[in-house]
């Protein structure tokens, strides 16, 4: 994991040296419209690549930047969902399973699943340079899906 984080950091640093033209604007406007949030995934990264170029290091940097957007949203949606679950547990007065515990267990199981799925995605590229962008695209997509699920999930 530590090596993986280091490689992402190096990719992002290299991409920043390429002067990425990135903004969360497209993804954020789409997500805030709340009409079809799954269709918002990758919008800002795609615009970044269109504005900056399609070199491998640029692709990785653009995906990494949008990944950061979805990760912030995931954390905010998780906190909100956890607060709601704790309130529901309080109102249920111990009747039935704890929503807060179930949410925490689900999220803790999802993280290694996402990471393993995206490690597999990278492995499909062998040692090729496309592996890093593929892995970051996977991490961005899976993180976005989870953020959306928590933001628009059952019980809302």
N, C-alpha and C. Protein backbone atom coordinates (compact mmCIF):
# COMPACT_ATOMS: atom_id res chain seq x y z
N UNK A 1 0.82 -1.19 0.00
CA UNK A 1 0.00 0.00 0.00
C UNK A 1 0.87 1.26 0.00
N UNK A 2 1.93 1.22 0.80
CA UNK A 2 2.80 2.38 0.90
C UNK A 2 3.45 2.69 -0.44
N UNK A 3 3.90 1.65 -1.15
CA UNK A 3 4.50 1.82 -2.46
C UNK A 3 3.48 2.37 -3.45
N UNK A 4 2.25 1.89 -3.36
CA UNK A 4 1.18 2.35 -4.23
C UNK A 4 0.94 3.84 -4.02
N UNK A 5 0.87 4.26 -2.77
CA UNK A 5 0.67 5.68 -2.47
C UNK A 5 1.83 6.51 -2.99
N UNK A 6 3.04 5.99 -2.87
CA UNK A 6 4.21 6.71 -3.36
C UNK A 6 4.16 6.85 -4.86
N UNK A 7 3.76 5.77 -5.58
CA UNK A 7 3.70 5.85 -7.03
C UNK A 7 2.64 6.85 -7.47
N UNK A 8 1.48 6.90 -6.78
CA UNK A 8 0.46 7.89 -7.11
C UNK A 8 0.97 9.30 -6.87
N UNK A 9 1.71 9.47 -5.80
CA UNK A 9 2.27 10.78 -5.48
C UNK A 9 3.24 11.22 -6.56
N UNK A 10 4.10 10.31 -7.02
CA UNK A 10 5.05 10.64 -8.07
C UNK A 10 4.34 10.96 -9.37
N UNK A 11 3.30 10.20 -9.69
CA UNK A 11 2.53 10.45 -10.91
C UNK A 11 1.88 11.82 -10.83
N UNK A 12 1.25 12.09 -9.70
CA UNK A 12 0.57 13.38 -9.55
C UNK A 12 1.58 14.52 -9.61
N UNK A 13 2.76 14.36 -9.00
CA UNK A 13 3.78 15.40 -9.03
C UNK A 13 4.26 15.63 -10.45
N UNK A 14 4.47 14.54 -11.19
CA UNK A 14 4.90 14.66 -12.58
C UNK A 14 3.83 15.35 -13.42
N UNK A 15 2.58 14.98 -13.16
CA UNK A 15 1.49 15.59 -13.91
C UNK A 15 1.36 17.07 -13.59
N UNK A 16 1.60 17.42 -12.32
CA UNK A 16 1.54 18.83 -11.97
C UNK A 16 2.62 19.61 -12.69
N UNK A 17 3.78 18.96 -12.89
CA UNK A 17 4.85 19.60 -13.64
C UNK A 17 4.41 19.84 -15.08
N UNK A 18 3.45 19.08 -15.55
CA UNK A 18 2.90 19.23 -16.89
C UNK A 18 1.87 20.37 -16.95
N UNK A 19 1.67 21.07 -15.84
CA UNK A 19 0.70 22.16 -15.77
C UNK A 19 -0.70 21.71 -16.16
N UNK A 20 -1.25 20.80 -15.37
CA UNK A 20 -2.60 20.33 -15.62
C UNK A 20 -3.58 21.49 -15.60
N UNK A 21 -4.51 21.44 -16.51
CA UNK A 21 -5.62 22.39 -16.51
C UNK A 21 -6.80 21.61 -15.96
N UNK A 22 -7.05 21.76 -14.66
CA UNK A 22 -8.08 20.96 -14.01
C UNK A 22 -8.99 21.85 -13.17
N UNK A 23 -10.27 21.50 -13.20
CA UNK A 23 -11.27 22.14 -12.34
C UNK A 23 -12.32 21.09 -12.00
N UNK A 24 -12.81 21.13 -10.76
CA UNK A 24 -13.90 20.25 -10.34
C UNK A 24 -15.25 20.70 -10.91
N UNK A 25 -15.29 21.83 -11.59
CA UNK A 25 -16.52 22.49 -11.99
C UNK A 25 -17.52 21.56 -12.69
N UNK A 26 -17.09 20.87 -13.74
CA UNK A 26 -18.03 20.05 -14.52
C UNK A 26 -18.64 18.95 -13.66
N UNK A 27 -17.80 18.26 -12.90
CA UNK A 27 -18.29 17.18 -12.05
C UNK A 27 -19.21 17.72 -10.97
N UNK A 28 -18.81 18.83 -10.35
CA UNK A 28 -19.59 19.39 -9.26
C UNK A 28 -20.95 19.91 -9.75
N UNK A 29 -20.97 20.61 -10.86
CA UNK A 29 -22.25 21.10 -11.41
C UNK A 29 -23.18 19.94 -11.74
N UNK A 30 -22.64 18.91 -12.33
CA UNK A 30 -23.45 17.73 -12.65
C UNK A 30 -23.98 17.08 -11.38
N UNK A 31 -23.10 16.87 -10.40
CA UNK A 31 -23.51 16.20 -9.16
C UNK A 31 -24.56 17.03 -8.42
N UNK A 32 -24.37 18.32 -8.37
CA UNK A 32 -25.31 19.19 -7.66
C UNK A 32 -26.68 19.22 -8.32
N UNK A 33 -26.74 18.95 -9.62
CA UNK A 33 -28.04 18.91 -10.29
C UNK A 33 -28.83 17.68 -9.86
N UNK A 34 -28.13 16.65 -9.38
CA UNK A 34 -28.72 15.45 -8.77
C UNK A 34 -29.71 14.73 -9.69
N UNK A 35 -29.61 14.92 -10.98
CA UNK A 35 -30.53 14.22 -11.86
C UNK A 35 -30.05 12.81 -12.18
N UNK A 36 -28.81 12.65 -12.56
CA UNK A 36 -28.24 11.35 -12.88
C UNK A 36 -26.79 11.34 -12.42
N UNK A 37 -26.57 11.21 -11.11
CA UNK A 37 -25.22 11.41 -10.56
C UNK A 37 -24.16 10.44 -11.10
N UNK A 38 -24.52 9.21 -11.47
CA UNK A 38 -23.52 8.28 -12.01
C UNK A 38 -22.94 8.81 -13.33
N UNK A 39 -23.71 9.61 -14.04
CA UNK A 39 -23.23 10.20 -15.28
C UNK A 39 -22.22 11.32 -15.07
N UNK A 40 -22.01 11.70 -13.83
CA UNK A 40 -21.07 12.78 -13.52
C UNK A 40 -19.64 12.28 -13.39
N UNK A 41 -19.47 10.98 -13.23
CA UNK A 41 -18.15 10.41 -12.97
C UNK A 41 -17.25 10.59 -14.19
N UNK A 42 -16.12 11.21 -13.96
CA UNK A 42 -15.12 11.38 -15.00
C UNK A 42 -15.23 12.64 -15.82
N UNK A 43 -16.24 13.47 -15.58
CA UNK A 43 -16.42 14.67 -16.41
C UNK A 43 -15.25 15.64 -16.28
N UNK A 44 -14.83 15.93 -15.06
CA UNK A 44 -13.74 16.88 -14.87
C UNK A 44 -12.40 16.30 -15.34
N UNK A 45 -12.20 15.01 -15.14
CA UNK A 45 -10.97 14.37 -15.63
C UNK A 45 -10.92 14.43 -17.15
N UNK A 46 -12.05 14.16 -17.80
CA UNK A 46 -12.09 14.19 -19.27
C UNK A 46 -11.80 15.60 -19.79
N UNK A 47 -12.38 16.61 -19.13
CA UNK A 47 -12.13 17.99 -19.54
C UNK A 47 -10.66 18.35 -19.32
N UNK A 48 -10.10 17.89 -18.22
CA UNK A 48 -8.69 18.11 -17.92
C UNK A 48 -7.80 17.55 -19.03
N UNK A 49 -8.09 16.33 -19.46
CA UNK A 49 -7.30 15.71 -20.53
C UNK A 49 -7.48 16.45 -21.85
N UNK A 50 -8.71 16.89 -22.10
CA UNK A 50 -8.96 17.64 -23.34
C UNK A 50 -8.19 18.95 -23.33
N UNK A 51 -8.15 19.60 -22.16
CA UNK A 51 -7.47 20.90 -22.06
C UNK A 51 -5.95 20.79 -21.95
N UNK A 52 -5.46 19.65 -21.42
CA UNK A 52 -4.04 19.51 -21.13
C UNK A 52 -3.33 18.59 -22.12
N UNK A 53 -4.02 17.57 -22.60
CA UNK A 53 -3.41 16.59 -23.50
C UNK A 53 -3.66 15.19 -22.97
N UNK A 54 -3.28 14.22 -23.78
CA UNK A 54 -3.59 12.84 -23.43
C UNK A 54 -2.35 12.00 -23.13
N UNK A 55 -1.28 12.61 -22.72
CA UNK A 55 -0.10 11.85 -22.31
C UNK A 55 -0.45 11.02 -21.07
N UNK A 56 0.21 9.91 -20.91
CA UNK A 56 -0.08 9.01 -19.80
C UNK A 56 0.00 9.73 -18.46
N UNK A 57 1.03 10.54 -18.27
CA UNK A 57 1.18 11.23 -16.99
C UNK A 57 0.07 12.25 -16.78
N UNK A 58 -0.41 12.86 -17.85
CA UNK A 58 -1.53 13.81 -17.75
C UNK A 58 -2.81 13.06 -17.39
N UNK A 59 -3.06 11.95 -18.06
CA UNK A 59 -4.25 11.15 -17.75
C UNK A 59 -4.25 10.77 -16.27
N UNK A 60 -3.12 10.27 -15.79
CA UNK A 60 -3.04 9.86 -14.38
C UNK A 60 -3.29 11.06 -13.47
N UNK A 61 -2.71 12.19 -13.79
CA UNK A 61 -2.90 13.39 -12.97
C UNK A 61 -4.33 13.87 -12.97
N UNK A 62 -4.99 13.82 -14.13
CA UNK A 62 -6.39 14.26 -14.22
C UNK A 62 -7.30 13.33 -13.42
N UNK A 63 -7.07 12.02 -13.55
CA UNK A 63 -7.87 11.07 -12.77
C UNK A 63 -7.63 11.26 -11.27
N UNK A 64 -6.38 11.49 -10.90
CA UNK A 64 -6.06 11.68 -9.49
C UNK A 64 -6.76 12.92 -8.94
N UNK A 65 -6.79 14.00 -9.70
CA UNK A 65 -7.46 15.22 -9.23
C UNK A 65 -8.94 14.98 -9.02
N UNK A 66 -9.60 14.31 -9.97
CA UNK A 66 -11.03 14.07 -9.77
C UNK A 66 -11.26 13.05 -8.66
N UNK A 67 -10.35 12.10 -8.50
CA UNK A 67 -10.43 11.17 -7.37
C UNK A 67 -10.48 11.94 -6.06
N UNK A 68 -9.68 12.97 -5.93
CA UNK A 68 -9.67 13.78 -4.71
C UNK A 68 -11.04 14.43 -4.47
N UNK A 69 -11.68 14.90 -5.54
CA UNK A 69 -13.03 15.47 -5.42
C UNK A 69 -13.98 14.44 -4.85
N UNK A 70 -14.00 13.23 -5.44
CA UNK A 70 -14.93 12.19 -5.00
C UNK A 70 -14.60 11.69 -3.60
N UNK A 71 -13.32 11.67 -3.26
CA UNK A 71 -12.93 11.23 -1.92
C UNK A 71 -13.45 12.22 -0.86
N UNK A 72 -13.35 13.51 -1.14
CA UNK A 72 -13.91 14.50 -0.20
C UNK A 72 -15.42 14.32 -0.06
N UNK A 73 -16.10 14.10 -1.19
CA UNK A 73 -17.54 13.91 -1.16
C UNK A 73 -17.90 12.62 -0.44
N UNK A 74 -17.14 11.57 -0.68
CA UNK A 74 -17.36 10.30 0.01
C UNK A 74 -17.28 10.50 1.52
N UNK A 75 -16.26 11.19 1.98
CA UNK A 75 -16.11 11.41 3.42
C UNK A 75 -17.25 12.24 3.99
N UNK A 76 -17.67 13.26 3.27
CA UNK A 76 -18.79 14.09 3.73
C UNK A 76 -20.09 13.27 3.76
N UNK A 77 -20.33 12.49 2.71
CA UNK A 77 -21.56 11.69 2.67
C UNK A 77 -21.54 10.60 3.72
N UNK A 78 -20.38 10.01 3.98
CA UNK A 78 -20.28 8.99 5.02
C UNK A 78 -20.58 9.59 6.39
N UNK A 79 -20.01 10.76 6.68
CA UNK A 79 -20.28 11.42 7.97
C UNK A 79 -21.77 11.71 8.13
N UNK A 80 -22.39 12.22 7.07
CA UNK A 80 -23.83 12.51 7.14
C UNK A 80 -24.65 11.24 7.32
N UNK A 81 -24.30 10.20 6.58
CA UNK A 81 -25.02 8.93 6.69
C UNK A 81 -24.82 8.31 8.07
N UNK A 82 -23.61 8.46 8.64
CA UNK A 82 -23.34 7.91 9.97
C UNK A 82 -24.15 8.68 11.02
N UNK A 83 -24.24 9.98 10.90
CA UNK A 83 -25.04 10.76 11.84
C UNK A 83 -26.51 10.34 11.77
N UNK A 84 -26.99 10.13 10.56
CA UNK A 84 -28.38 9.68 10.37
C UNK A 84 -28.57 8.29 10.97
N UNK A 85 -27.60 7.40 10.76
CA UNK A 85 -27.69 6.03 11.28
C UNK A 85 -27.68 6.03 12.81
N UNK A 86 -26.84 6.86 13.41
CA UNK A 86 -26.79 6.94 14.87
C UNK A 86 -28.10 7.48 15.43
N UNK A 87 -28.67 8.46 14.76
CA UNK A 87 -29.96 9.00 15.20
C UNK A 87 -31.05 7.93 15.07
N UNK A 88 -31.03 7.18 13.98
CA UNK A 88 -32.00 6.09 13.81
C UNK A 88 -31.83 5.03 14.89
N UNK A 89 -30.59 4.72 15.22
CA UNK A 89 -30.33 3.76 16.30
C UNK A 89 -30.90 4.27 17.62
N UNK A 90 -30.71 5.57 17.87
CA UNK A 90 -31.23 6.16 19.11
C UNK A 90 -32.75 6.06 19.13
N UNK A 91 -33.39 6.39 18.03
CA UNK A 91 -34.85 6.35 17.96
C UNK A 91 -35.38 4.92 18.04
N UNK A 92 -34.62 3.97 17.54
CA UNK A 92 -35.04 2.56 17.59
C UNK A 92 -34.85 1.94 18.97
N UNK A 93 -34.15 2.64 19.84
CA UNK A 93 -33.94 2.21 21.23
C UNK A 93 -33.48 0.75 21.32
N UNK A 94 -32.53 0.37 20.45
CA UNK A 94 -31.96 -0.97 20.53
C UNK A 94 -32.78 -2.06 19.86
N UNK A 95 -33.90 -1.70 19.26
CA UNK A 95 -34.72 -2.69 18.57
C UNK A 95 -34.14 -2.90 17.18
N UNK A 96 -33.73 -4.09 16.87
CA UNK A 96 -33.16 -4.40 15.57
C UNK A 96 -31.67 -4.15 15.53
N UNK A 97 -31.04 -4.51 14.42
CA UNK A 97 -29.60 -4.32 14.30
C UNK A 97 -29.23 -2.84 14.23
N UNK A 98 -28.04 -2.54 14.66
CA UNK A 98 -27.55 -1.17 14.63
C UNK A 98 -27.22 -0.74 13.21
N UNK A 99 -27.83 0.35 12.77
CA UNK A 99 -27.53 0.88 11.45
C UNK A 99 -26.11 1.44 11.41
N UNK A 100 -25.69 2.07 12.50
CA UNK A 100 -24.35 2.67 12.54
C UNK A 100 -23.28 1.59 12.43
N UNK A 101 -23.44 0.51 13.16
CA UNK A 101 -22.47 -0.59 13.09
C UNK A 101 -22.46 -1.23 11.71
N UNK A 102 -23.64 -1.42 11.12
CA UNK A 102 -23.73 -2.01 9.78
C UNK A 102 -23.06 -1.10 8.74
N UNK A 103 -23.26 0.20 8.85
CA UNK A 103 -22.64 1.16 7.94
C UNK A 103 -21.13 1.12 8.06
N UNK A 104 -20.63 1.13 9.29
CA UNK A 104 -19.19 1.09 9.53
C UNK A 104 -18.59 -0.21 8.97
N UNK A 105 -19.23 -1.32 9.20
CA UNK A 105 -18.76 -2.61 8.69
C UNK A 105 -18.74 -2.63 7.16
N UNK A 106 -19.81 -2.12 6.57
CA UNK A 106 -19.90 -2.05 5.11
C UNK A 106 -18.77 -1.22 4.54
N UNK A 107 -18.53 -0.05 5.10
CA UNK A 107 -17.51 0.85 4.56
C UNK A 107 -16.11 0.25 4.73
N UNK A 108 -15.88 -0.38 5.88
CA UNK A 108 -14.57 -1.01 6.11
C UNK A 108 -14.34 -2.17 5.16
N UNK A 109 -15.37 -2.86 4.76
CA UNK A 109 -15.24 -3.96 3.79
C UNK A 109 -15.08 -3.42 2.37
N UNK A 110 -15.71 -2.30 2.08
CA UNK A 110 -15.66 -1.73 0.73
C UNK A 110 -14.25 -1.26 0.37
N UNK A 111 -13.53 -0.66 1.30
CA UNK A 111 -12.22 -0.09 1.00
C UNK A 111 -11.25 -1.14 0.44
N UNK A 112 -11.03 -2.27 1.10
CA UNK A 112 -10.12 -3.26 0.50
C UNK A 112 -10.67 -3.86 -0.80
N UNK A 113 -11.99 -3.95 -0.92
CA UNK A 113 -12.58 -4.42 -2.18
C UNK A 113 -12.22 -3.47 -3.32
N UNK A 114 -12.41 -2.17 -3.09
CA UNK A 114 -12.07 -1.17 -4.11
C UNK A 114 -10.60 -1.26 -4.48
N UNK A 115 -9.75 -1.30 -3.47
CA UNK A 115 -8.31 -1.32 -3.72
C UNK A 115 -7.90 -2.57 -4.50
N UNK A 116 -8.45 -3.73 -4.13
CA UNK A 116 -8.12 -4.97 -4.83
C UNK A 116 -8.64 -4.94 -6.27
N UNK A 117 -9.83 -4.40 -6.46
CA UNK A 117 -10.40 -4.30 -7.81
C UNK A 117 -9.51 -3.44 -8.70
N UNK A 118 -9.02 -2.35 -8.14
CA UNK A 118 -8.20 -1.43 -8.93
C UNK A 118 -6.77 -1.94 -9.10
N UNK A 119 -6.27 -2.72 -8.15
CA UNK A 119 -4.98 -3.40 -8.34
C UNK A 119 -5.10 -4.38 -9.51
N UNK A 120 -6.21 -5.08 -9.58
CA UNK A 120 -6.45 -5.99 -10.70
C UNK A 120 -6.49 -5.22 -12.01
N UNK A 121 -7.18 -4.10 -12.02
CA UNK A 121 -7.26 -3.27 -13.23
C UNK A 121 -5.86 -2.90 -13.71
N UNK A 122 -5.01 -2.51 -12.79
CA UNK A 122 -3.63 -2.16 -13.14
C UNK A 122 -2.90 -3.38 -13.70
N UNK A 123 -3.12 -4.54 -13.11
CA UNK A 123 -2.41 -5.75 -13.54
C UNK A 123 -2.71 -6.11 -14.99
N UNK A 124 -3.87 -5.71 -15.49
CA UNK A 124 -4.23 -6.01 -16.87
C UNK A 124 -3.29 -5.34 -17.87
N UNK A 125 -2.56 -4.34 -17.41
CA UNK A 125 -1.63 -3.62 -18.28
C UNK A 125 -0.22 -4.19 -18.21
N UNK A 126 -0.05 -5.27 -17.44
CA UNK A 126 1.29 -5.82 -17.28
C UNK A 126 2.20 -4.77 -16.70
N UNK A 127 3.31 -4.53 -17.31
CA UNK A 127 4.22 -3.48 -16.86
C UNK A 127 4.07 -2.21 -17.67
N UNK A 128 3.03 -2.14 -18.49
CA UNK A 128 2.86 -1.00 -19.39
C UNK A 128 2.53 0.30 -18.68
N UNK A 129 2.81 1.38 -19.35
CA UNK A 129 2.61 2.71 -18.77
C UNK A 129 1.14 3.05 -18.57
N UNK A 130 0.26 2.35 -19.24
CA UNK A 130 -1.17 2.61 -19.07
C UNK A 130 -1.72 2.11 -17.75
N UNK A 131 -0.93 1.34 -17.01
CA UNK A 131 -1.40 0.78 -15.75
C UNK A 131 -1.76 1.82 -14.71
N UNK A 132 -0.94 2.84 -14.58
CA UNK A 132 -1.22 3.88 -13.57
C UNK A 132 -2.50 4.65 -13.86
N UNK A 133 -2.68 5.15 -15.10
CA UNK A 133 -3.95 5.81 -15.37
C UNK A 133 -5.15 4.88 -15.22
N UNK A 134 -4.99 3.62 -15.63
CA UNK A 134 -6.10 2.67 -15.49
C UNK A 134 -6.46 2.47 -14.03
N UNK A 135 -5.46 2.34 -13.18
CA UNK A 135 -5.71 2.14 -11.76
C UNK A 135 -6.34 3.39 -11.14
N UNK A 136 -5.84 4.56 -11.49
CA UNK A 136 -6.41 5.80 -10.95
C UNK A 136 -7.83 6.03 -11.46
N UNK A 137 -8.09 5.69 -12.72
CA UNK A 137 -9.44 5.80 -13.25
C UNK A 137 -10.38 4.88 -12.46
N UNK A 138 -9.92 3.67 -12.17
CA UNK A 138 -10.70 2.72 -11.38
C UNK A 138 -10.96 3.26 -9.97
N UNK A 139 -9.92 3.77 -9.33
CA UNK A 139 -10.09 4.32 -7.97
C UNK A 139 -11.06 5.49 -7.98
N UNK A 140 -10.94 6.36 -9.00
CA UNK A 140 -11.85 7.50 -9.11
C UNK A 140 -13.28 7.01 -9.29
N UNK A 141 -13.47 6.06 -10.19
CA UNK A 141 -14.82 5.57 -10.50
C UNK A 141 -15.45 4.86 -9.31
N UNK A 142 -14.71 3.98 -8.68
CA UNK A 142 -15.26 3.24 -7.54
C UNK A 142 -15.52 4.15 -6.35
N UNK A 143 -14.64 5.11 -6.12
CA UNK A 143 -14.84 6.07 -5.02
C UNK A 143 -16.08 6.93 -5.31
N UNK A 144 -16.22 7.34 -6.55
CA UNK A 144 -17.40 8.13 -6.94
C UNK A 144 -18.69 7.33 -6.74
N UNK A 145 -18.68 6.09 -7.16
CA UNK A 145 -19.88 5.25 -6.99
C UNK A 145 -20.25 5.12 -5.52
N UNK A 146 -19.25 4.93 -4.67
CA UNK A 146 -19.54 4.80 -3.25
C UNK A 146 -20.03 6.12 -2.66
N UNK A 147 -19.43 7.22 -3.09
CA UNK A 147 -19.88 8.54 -2.62
C UNK A 147 -21.34 8.77 -3.01
N UNK A 148 -21.68 8.41 -4.23
CA UNK A 148 -23.05 8.58 -4.71
C UNK A 148 -23.99 7.65 -3.96
N UNK A 149 -23.58 6.42 -3.75
CA UNK A 149 -24.41 5.47 -3.01
C UNK A 149 -24.71 5.99 -1.61
N UNK A 150 -23.69 6.52 -0.95
CA UNK A 150 -23.90 7.05 0.41
C UNK A 150 -24.72 8.35 0.37
N UNK A 151 -24.59 9.11 -0.67
CA UNK A 151 -25.33 10.37 -0.77
C UNK A 151 -26.77 10.21 -1.18
N UNK A 152 -27.05 9.15 -1.94
CA UNK A 152 -28.40 8.94 -2.45
C UNK A 152 -28.94 7.57 -2.08
N UNK A 153 -28.32 6.92 -1.10
CA UNK A 153 -28.64 5.54 -0.79
C UNK A 153 -30.00 5.35 -0.14
N UNK A 154 -30.31 4.09 0.09
CA UNK A 154 -31.57 3.70 0.73
C UNK A 154 -31.72 4.37 2.07
N UNK A 155 -32.92 4.66 2.43
CA UNK A 155 -33.20 5.27 3.73
C UNK A 155 -33.24 6.78 3.70
N UNK A 156 -33.00 7.35 2.52
CA UNK A 156 -33.04 8.82 2.41
C UNK A 156 -34.44 9.28 2.11
